[in-house]
Amino acid sequence: MKKSIHLPYVLGFLLLFIFFFLLAAVYGEAGVKRLDQTVIDAVTAYQPHELTRAFIVITNSAARTNEFIVLAVFSAFSILWRRSWLEPVILGICLFVIRYGNAFLKGVYERKRPSLHRLVDIGGYSFPSGHAMISIGFFWIVILPACETG
């Protein structure tokens, strides 16, 4: 039985990929800097303490240690319940490539993090977002098998 991936999911991924490269091409423009400042102003205008704590937990959940714990749990689930080892291998490779690809791209773009009103002190450059790249890669690999048809 041949499996295929739904075309809308592939197109959606390609559109996100194209959007990233377009954003990367114009990230230094004055309009993008104004947009950054507008978003920062809007977000910092209303900051309930509970929401701040929730976002700090979300931020910390994507730490490298937690990433490997989630990979181990997903792998165990996939191997024991689904009897499939392919998704964990692909996910492991994907996370490795994304982690080091992100570090490479940060070195290429060298975009400094916003300096005002930091809630979590983190070093390094801000673009592209490691959290966003890892989340997209992780959920793409986890959700992709559900999108297959037979």
N, C-alpha and C. Protein backbone atom coordinates (compact mmCIF):
# COMPACT_ATOMS: atom_id res chain seq x y z
N MET A 1 0.85 -1.18 0.00
CA MET A 1 0.00 0.00 0.00
C MET A 1 0.90 1.25 0.00
N LYS A 2 0.71 2.08 -0.98
CA LYS A 2 1.52 3.29 -1.12
C LYS A 2 0.92 4.43 -0.28
N LYS A 3 1.79 5.14 0.45
CA LYS A 3 1.35 6.28 1.26
C LYS A 3 1.71 7.57 0.56
N SER A 4 0.82 8.55 0.65
CA SER A 4 1.12 9.86 0.06
C SER A 4 0.76 10.95 1.05
N ILE A 5 1.36 12.08 0.89
CA ILE A 5 1.14 13.22 1.77
C ILE A 5 0.17 14.16 1.08
N HIS A 6 -0.78 14.70 1.85
CA HIS A 6 -1.75 15.63 1.29
C HIS A 6 -1.04 16.86 0.74
N LEU A 7 -1.40 17.25 -0.45
CA LEU A 7 -0.81 18.40 -1.13
C LEU A 7 -0.91 19.70 -0.32
N PRO A 8 -2.04 20.00 0.34
CA PRO A 8 -2.11 21.26 1.10
C PRO A 8 -1.04 21.37 2.20
N TYR A 9 -0.68 20.25 2.82
CA TYR A 9 0.35 20.29 3.86
C TYR A 9 1.72 20.60 3.27
N VAL A 10 2.01 20.01 2.14
CA VAL A 10 3.28 20.28 1.47
C VAL A 10 3.33 21.74 1.01
N LEU A 11 2.23 22.21 0.42
CA LEU A 11 2.19 23.61 -0.03
C LEU A 11 2.31 24.56 1.15
N GLY A 12 1.66 24.25 2.26
CA GLY A 12 1.76 25.08 3.45
C GLY A 12 3.19 25.17 3.94
N PHE A 13 3.88 24.05 3.97
CA PHE A 13 5.29 24.04 4.38
C PHE A 13 6.13 24.88 3.43
N LEU A 14 5.91 24.72 2.13
CA LEU A 14 6.67 25.49 1.15
C LEU A 14 6.40 26.99 1.28
N LEU A 15 5.16 27.37 1.54
CA LEU A 15 4.83 28.78 1.74
C LEU A 15 5.53 29.35 2.98
N LEU A 16 5.57 28.58 4.06
CA LEU A 16 6.30 29.02 5.25
C LEU A 16 7.78 29.17 4.96
N PHE A 17 8.33 28.26 4.21
CA PHE A 17 9.75 28.29 3.83
C PHE A 17 10.04 29.54 3.00
N ILE A 18 9.19 29.83 2.03
CA ILE A 18 9.37 31.02 1.18
C ILE A 18 9.22 32.29 2.01
N PHE A 19 8.21 32.31 2.91
CA PHE A 19 8.00 33.46 3.78
C PHE A 19 9.25 33.75 4.62
N PHE A 20 9.87 32.69 5.16
CA PHE A 20 11.07 32.87 5.96
C PHE A 20 12.17 33.55 5.13
N PHE A 21 12.40 33.07 3.93
CA PHE A 21 13.48 33.64 3.12
C PHE A 21 13.17 35.06 2.67
N LEU A 22 11.91 35.35 2.43
CA LEU A 22 11.54 36.75 2.11
C LEU A 22 11.77 37.64 3.33
N LEU A 23 11.36 37.17 4.49
CA LEU A 23 11.58 37.93 5.71
C LEU A 23 13.07 38.12 5.96
N ALA A 24 13.84 37.07 5.75
CA ALA A 24 15.28 37.17 5.95
C ALA A 24 15.91 38.18 5.00
N ALA A 25 15.37 38.29 3.80
CA ALA A 25 15.93 39.21 2.81
C ALA A 25 15.71 40.67 3.17
N VAL A 26 14.63 40.96 3.91
CA VAL A 26 14.30 42.36 4.22
C VAL A 26 14.42 42.69 5.71
N TYR A 27 14.98 41.78 6.52
CA TYR A 27 14.95 41.98 7.97
C TYR A 27 15.68 43.24 8.43
N GLY A 28 16.61 43.74 7.67
CA GLY A 28 17.37 44.93 8.07
C GLY A 28 16.73 46.24 7.62
N GLU A 29 15.66 46.17 6.89
CA GLU A 29 15.01 47.37 6.37
C GLU A 29 14.35 48.18 7.48
N ALA A 30 14.21 49.47 7.26
CA ALA A 30 13.62 50.36 8.26
C ALA A 30 12.19 49.95 8.62
N GLY A 31 11.42 49.51 7.64
CA GLY A 31 10.04 49.10 7.90
C GLY A 31 9.96 47.94 8.87
N VAL A 32 10.88 47.00 8.75
CA VAL A 32 10.90 45.85 9.65
C VAL A 32 11.27 46.31 11.06
N LYS A 33 12.21 47.24 11.16
CA LYS A 33 12.59 47.76 12.48
C LYS A 33 11.41 48.50 13.13
N ARG A 34 10.65 49.24 12.33
CA ARG A 34 9.45 49.91 12.86
C ARG A 34 8.42 48.87 13.32
N LEU A 35 8.26 47.82 12.53
CA LEU A 35 7.34 46.76 12.91
C LEU A 35 7.77 46.11 14.22
N ASP A 36 9.07 45.84 14.35
CA ASP A 36 9.61 45.29 15.60
C ASP A 36 9.21 46.18 16.78
N GLN A 37 9.46 47.48 16.64
CA GLN A 37 9.17 48.40 17.74
C GLN A 37 7.68 48.45 18.05
N THR A 38 6.84 48.41 17.02
CA THR A 38 5.39 48.42 17.21
C THR A 38 4.95 47.18 17.99
N VAL A 39 5.48 46.02 17.61
CA VAL A 39 5.12 44.78 18.30
C VAL A 39 5.61 44.82 19.74
N ILE A 40 6.84 45.26 19.96
CA ILE A 40 7.38 45.34 21.32
C ILE A 40 6.53 46.27 22.17
N ASP A 41 6.17 47.43 21.63
CA ASP A 41 5.33 48.37 22.37
C ASP A 41 3.97 47.76 22.71
N ALA A 42 3.37 47.07 21.75
CA ALA A 42 2.05 46.47 21.98
C ALA A 42 2.10 45.36 23.02
N VAL A 43 3.13 44.54 22.95
CA VAL A 43 3.25 43.43 23.88
C VAL A 43 3.55 43.92 25.30
N THR A 44 4.41 44.91 25.42
CA THR A 44 4.78 45.38 26.76
C THR A 44 3.73 46.31 27.37
N ALA A 45 2.77 46.77 26.59
CA ALA A 45 1.72 47.66 27.14
C ALA A 45 0.83 46.90 28.11
N TYR A 46 0.62 45.64 27.88
CA TYR A 46 -0.25 44.84 28.73
C TYR A 46 0.45 43.53 29.04
N GLN A 47 0.90 43.38 30.27
CA GLN A 47 1.62 42.18 30.67
C GLN A 47 1.14 41.67 32.01
N PRO A 48 0.08 40.89 32.02
CA PRO A 48 -0.34 40.32 33.28
C PRO A 48 0.70 39.32 33.79
N HIS A 49 0.93 39.31 35.07
CA HIS A 49 1.97 38.49 35.68
C HIS A 49 1.79 37.01 35.34
N GLU A 50 0.55 36.53 35.37
CA GLU A 50 0.29 35.11 35.09
C GLU A 50 0.68 34.75 33.66
N LEU A 51 0.38 35.64 32.73
CA LEU A 51 0.73 35.39 31.33
C LEU A 51 2.24 35.40 31.14
N THR A 52 2.91 36.30 31.82
CA THR A 52 4.37 36.36 31.76
C THR A 52 4.97 35.05 32.25
N ARG A 53 4.49 34.57 33.38
CA ARG A 53 4.99 33.29 33.92
C ARG A 53 4.73 32.15 32.94
N ALA A 54 3.56 32.14 32.33
CA ALA A 54 3.22 31.07 31.38
C ALA A 54 4.19 31.08 30.19
N PHE A 55 4.50 32.27 29.67
CA PHE A 55 5.40 32.34 28.52
C PHE A 55 6.84 32.00 28.90
N ILE A 56 7.23 32.28 30.13
CA ILE A 56 8.56 31.88 30.59
C ILE A 56 8.65 30.36 30.66
N VAL A 57 7.59 29.71 31.15
CA VAL A 57 7.54 28.24 31.18
C VAL A 57 7.63 27.68 29.76
N ILE A 58 6.88 28.27 28.83
CA ILE A 58 6.92 27.82 27.43
C ILE A 58 8.32 27.99 26.85
N THR A 59 8.93 29.14 27.13
CA THR A 59 10.29 29.40 26.64
C THR A 59 11.27 28.37 27.19
N ASN A 60 11.19 28.11 28.48
CA ASN A 60 12.11 27.16 29.10
C ASN A 60 11.85 25.73 28.66
N SER A 61 10.63 25.42 28.23
CA SER A 61 10.31 24.06 27.80
C SER A 61 11.05 23.69 26.52
N ALA A 62 11.50 24.68 25.78
CA ALA A 62 12.22 24.40 24.54
C ALA A 62 13.73 24.36 24.74
N ALA A 63 14.16 24.29 25.98
CA ALA A 63 15.60 24.19 26.26
C ALA A 63 16.13 22.87 25.68
N ARG A 64 17.40 22.84 25.41
CA ARG A 64 18.02 21.68 24.78
C ARG A 64 17.76 20.39 25.57
N THR A 65 17.85 20.45 26.90
CA THR A 65 17.62 19.26 27.72
C THR A 65 16.20 18.75 27.53
N ASN A 66 15.23 19.65 27.58
CA ASN A 66 13.83 19.26 27.41
C ASN A 66 13.57 18.73 26.00
N GLU A 67 14.26 19.28 25.03
CA GLU A 67 14.12 18.83 23.65
C GLU A 67 14.46 17.34 23.55
N PHE A 68 15.54 16.93 24.21
CA PHE A 68 15.95 15.53 24.14
C PHE A 68 15.03 14.63 24.97
N ILE A 69 14.46 15.16 26.05
CA ILE A 69 13.48 14.39 26.82
C ILE A 69 12.23 14.13 25.97
N VAL A 70 11.74 15.16 25.29
CA VAL A 70 10.57 15.00 24.42
C VAL A 70 10.90 14.02 23.29
N LEU A 71 12.09 14.13 22.72
CA LEU A 71 12.51 13.19 21.67
C LEU A 71 12.50 11.76 22.20
N ALA A 72 13.01 11.55 23.41
CA ALA A 72 13.05 10.21 23.99
C ALA A 72 11.64 9.66 24.23
N VAL A 73 10.74 10.50 24.77
CA VAL A 73 9.37 10.07 25.02
C VAL A 73 8.66 9.75 23.71
N PHE A 74 8.79 10.65 22.73
CA PHE A 74 8.18 10.42 21.42
C PHE A 74 8.73 9.15 20.78
N SER A 75 10.04 8.93 20.89
CA SER A 75 10.66 7.75 20.30
C SER A 75 10.13 6.48 20.96
N ALA A 76 10.06 6.49 22.28
CA ALA A 76 9.55 5.32 23.00
C ALA A 76 8.10 5.04 22.60
N PHE A 77 7.29 6.08 22.54
CA PHE A 77 5.89 5.94 22.13
C PHE A 77 5.80 5.38 20.71
N SER A 78 6.57 5.92 19.81
CA SER A 78 6.52 5.51 18.41
C SER A 78 6.99 4.07 18.24
N ILE A 79 8.05 3.71 18.92
CA ILE A 79 8.60 2.37 18.77
C ILE A 79 7.71 1.33 19.46
N LEU A 80 7.27 1.61 20.68
CA LEU A 80 6.49 0.63 21.44
C LEU A 80 5.03 0.55 20.99
N TRP A 81 4.41 1.68 20.75
CA TRP A 81 2.97 1.66 20.44
C TRP A 81 2.71 1.52 18.95
N ARG A 82 3.44 2.29 18.13
CA ARG A 82 3.20 2.28 16.69
C ARG A 82 4.08 1.26 15.97
N ARG A 83 5.05 0.71 16.67
CA ARG A 83 6.00 -0.24 16.08
C ARG A 83 6.73 0.37 14.89
N SER A 84 7.07 1.66 15.05
CA SER A 84 7.76 2.37 13.97
C SER A 84 8.99 3.07 14.53
N TRP A 85 10.11 2.85 13.94
CA TRP A 85 11.34 3.50 14.35
C TRP A 85 11.73 4.62 13.41
N LEU A 86 11.08 4.70 12.24
CA LEU A 86 11.46 5.68 11.23
C LEU A 86 11.23 7.12 11.70
N GLU A 87 10.04 7.42 12.26
CA GLU A 87 9.76 8.79 12.70
C GLU A 87 10.74 9.29 13.77
N PRO A 88 11.08 8.47 14.78
CA PRO A 88 12.07 8.96 15.75
C PRO A 88 13.44 9.24 15.14
N VAL A 89 13.86 8.42 14.19
CA VAL A 89 15.14 8.65 13.53
C VAL A 89 15.08 9.96 12.74
N ILE A 90 14.01 10.12 11.97
CA ILE A 90 13.86 11.35 11.18
C ILE A 90 13.78 12.56 12.10
N LEU A 91 13.02 12.45 13.20
CA LEU A 91 12.90 13.57 14.14
C LEU A 91 14.25 13.90 14.76
N GLY A 92 15.01 12.89 15.14
CA GLY A 92 16.34 13.14 15.71
C GLY A 92 17.25 13.86 14.73
N ILE A 93 17.26 13.41 13.48
CA ILE A 93 18.06 14.06 12.45
C ILE A 93 17.56 15.48 12.22
N CYS A 94 16.24 15.64 12.15
CA CYS A 94 15.63 16.96 11.94
C CYS A 94 16.04 17.93 13.05
N LEU A 95 15.93 17.51 14.31
CA LEU A 95 16.28 18.39 15.42
C LEU A 95 17.76 18.74 15.41
N PHE A 96 18.61 17.77 15.07
CA PHE A 96 20.05 18.02 14.98
C PHE A 96 20.35 19.05 13.90
N VAL A 97 19.77 18.85 12.71
CA VAL A 97 20.01 19.77 11.58
C VAL A 97 19.46 21.16 11.89
N ILE A 98 18.27 21.21 12.49
CA ILE A 98 17.68 22.51 12.82
C ILE A 98 18.51 23.23 13.87
N ARG A 99 18.92 22.52 14.91
CA ARG A 99 19.70 23.14 16.00
C ARG A 99 20.97 23.77 15.44
N TYR A 100 21.73 23.03 14.65
CA TYR A 100 22.99 23.55 14.13
C TYR A 100 22.80 24.45 12.91
N GLY A 101 21.76 24.20 12.14
CA GLY A 101 21.42 25.11 11.04
C GLY A 101 21.01 26.47 11.57
N ASN A 102 20.27 26.49 12.67
CA ASN A 102 19.87 27.74 13.29
C ASN A 102 21.09 28.51 13.78
N ALA A 103 22.02 27.83 14.41
CA ALA A 103 23.25 28.50 14.88
C ALA A 103 24.01 29.09 13.69
N PHE A 104 24.06 28.36 12.59
CA PHE A 104 24.73 28.86 11.39
C PHE A 104 24.04 30.12 10.87
N LEU A 105 22.70 30.06 10.73
CA LEU A 105 21.95 31.22 10.20
C LEU A 105 22.05 32.42 11.13
N LYS A 106 22.06 32.20 12.44
CA LYS A 106 22.23 33.33 13.37
C LYS A 106 23.58 34.00 13.13
N GLY A 107 24.60 33.20 12.84
CA GLY A 107 25.90 33.76 12.52
C GLY A 107 25.91 34.52 11.21
N VAL A 108 25.10 34.10 10.26
CA VAL A 108 25.01 34.79 8.97
C VAL A 108 24.32 36.15 9.14
N TYR A 109 23.17 36.17 9.83
CA TYR A 109 22.38 37.40 9.93
C TYR A 109 22.83 38.33 11.06
N GLU A 110 23.36 37.78 12.14
CA GLU A 110 23.87 38.56 13.28
C GLU A 110 22.91 39.66 13.74
N ARG A 111 21.65 39.32 13.87
CA ARG A 111 20.66 40.30 14.33
C ARG A 111 20.62 40.30 15.85
N LYS A 112 20.93 41.45 16.44
CA LYS A 112 20.96 41.56 17.89
C LYS A 112 19.55 41.43 18.47
N ARG A 113 19.48 40.91 19.69
CA ARG A 113 18.19 40.82 20.38
C ARG A 113 17.76 42.21 20.82
N PRO A 114 16.45 42.44 20.89
CA PRO A 114 15.99 43.73 21.43
C PRO A 114 16.53 43.92 22.85
N SER A 115 16.95 45.11 23.16
CA SER A 115 17.60 45.32 24.46
C SER A 115 16.66 45.82 25.54
N LEU A 116 15.46 46.23 25.16
CA LEU A 116 14.60 46.77 26.20
C LEU A 116 13.59 45.75 26.70
N HIS A 117 13.30 45.83 27.96
CA HIS A 117 12.25 45.07 28.62
C HIS A 117 12.36 43.57 28.39
N ARG A 118 13.49 43.00 28.70
CA ARG A 118 13.67 41.56 28.56
C ARG A 118 13.07 40.86 29.78
N LEU A 119 12.32 39.81 29.52
CA LEU A 119 11.75 39.02 30.61
C LEU A 119 12.65 37.84 30.95
N VAL A 120 13.34 37.34 29.94
CA VAL A 120 14.26 36.23 30.12
C VAL A 120 15.59 36.66 29.53
N ASP A 121 16.64 36.55 30.31
CA ASP A 121 17.96 36.95 29.82
C ASP A 121 18.57 35.78 29.06
N ILE A 122 18.76 35.97 27.78
CA ILE A 122 19.33 34.93 26.93
C ILE A 122 20.33 35.59 25.99
N GLY A 123 21.40 34.91 25.73
CA GLY A 123 22.43 35.48 24.88
C GLY A 123 22.24 35.10 23.43
N GLY A 124 23.16 35.55 22.62
CA GLY A 124 23.14 35.19 21.20
C GLY A 124 22.28 36.12 20.38
N TYR A 125 22.23 35.82 19.12
CA TYR A 125 21.45 36.62 18.18
C TYR A 125 19.99 36.19 18.19
N SER A 126 19.13 37.05 17.64
CA SER A 126 17.70 36.78 17.72
C SER A 126 17.09 36.18 16.45
N PHE A 127 17.76 36.28 15.33
CA PHE A 127 17.15 35.84 14.08
C PHE A 127 18.03 34.84 13.38
N PRO A 128 17.47 33.74 12.92
CA PRO A 128 16.09 33.29 13.07
C PRO A 128 15.85 32.69 14.46
N SER A 129 14.60 32.64 14.84
CA SER A 129 14.23 32.13 16.14
C SER A 129 14.46 30.63 16.22
N GLY A 130 15.29 30.25 17.18
CA GLY A 130 15.52 28.82 17.40
C GLY A 130 14.26 28.12 17.86
N HIS A 131 13.50 28.78 18.75
CA HIS A 131 12.25 28.19 19.23
C HIS A 131 11.29 27.93 18.06
N ALA A 132 11.16 28.90 17.18
CA ALA A 132 10.24 28.74 16.05
C ALA A 132 10.71 27.63 15.12
N MET A 133 12.00 27.61 14.80
CA MET A 133 12.51 26.59 13.87
C MET A 133 12.34 25.19 14.45
N ILE A 134 12.69 25.01 15.71
CA ILE A 134 12.58 23.69 16.33
C ILE A 134 11.11 23.27 16.47
N SER A 135 10.25 24.21 16.82
CA SER A 135 8.83 23.89 16.95
C SER A 135 8.24 23.46 15.61
N ILE A 136 8.54 24.20 14.57
CA ILE A 136 8.02 23.84 13.25
C ILE A 136 8.55 22.47 12.83
N GLY A 137 9.83 22.24 12.99
CA GLY A 137 10.41 20.94 12.62
C GLY A 137 9.83 19.80 13.43
N PHE A 138 9.72 20.00 14.74
CA PHE A 138 9.20 18.95 15.62
C PHE A 138 7.76 18.61 15.28
N PHE A 139 6.90 19.63 15.24
CA PHE A 139 5.49 19.35 15.01
C PHE A 139 5.23 18.88 13.58
N TRP A 140 6.05 19.31 12.63
CA TRP A 140 5.92 18.82 11.26
C TRP A 140 6.16 17.31 11.23
N ILE A 141 7.19 16.85 11.90
CA ILE A 141 7.52 15.42 11.90
C ILE A 141 6.50 14.63 12.72
N VAL A 142 6.03 15.19 13.83
CA VAL A 142 5.07 14.49 14.67
C VAL A 142 3.70 14.40 13.99
N ILE A 143 3.28 15.46 13.30
CA ILE A 143 1.95 15.50 12.69
C ILE A 143 1.93 14.84 11.31
N LEU A 144 3.05 14.85 10.62
CA LEU A 144 3.11 14.33 9.25
C LEU A 144 2.54 12.92 9.10
N PRO A 145 2.87 11.97 9.98
CA PRO A 145 2.30 10.61 9.81
C PRO A 145 0.77 10.61 9.84
N ALA A 146 0.17 11.52 10.59
CA ALA A 146 -1.29 11.58 10.65
C ALA A 146 -1.88 12.10 9.34
N CYS A 147 -1.07 12.77 8.54
CA CYS A 147 -1.54 13.34 7.28
C CYS A 147 -1.40 12.36 6.11
N GLU A 148 -0.82 11.20 6.37
CA GLU A 148 -0.61 10.23 5.30
C GLU A 148 -1.92 9.51 4.99
N THR A 149 -2.07 9.17 3.73
CA THR A 149 -3.25 8.38 3.33
C THR A 149 -2.77 7.10 2.69
N GLY A 150 -3.57 6.13 2.74
CA GLY A 150 -3.16 4.85 2.17
C GLY A 150 -4.04 4.40 1.07
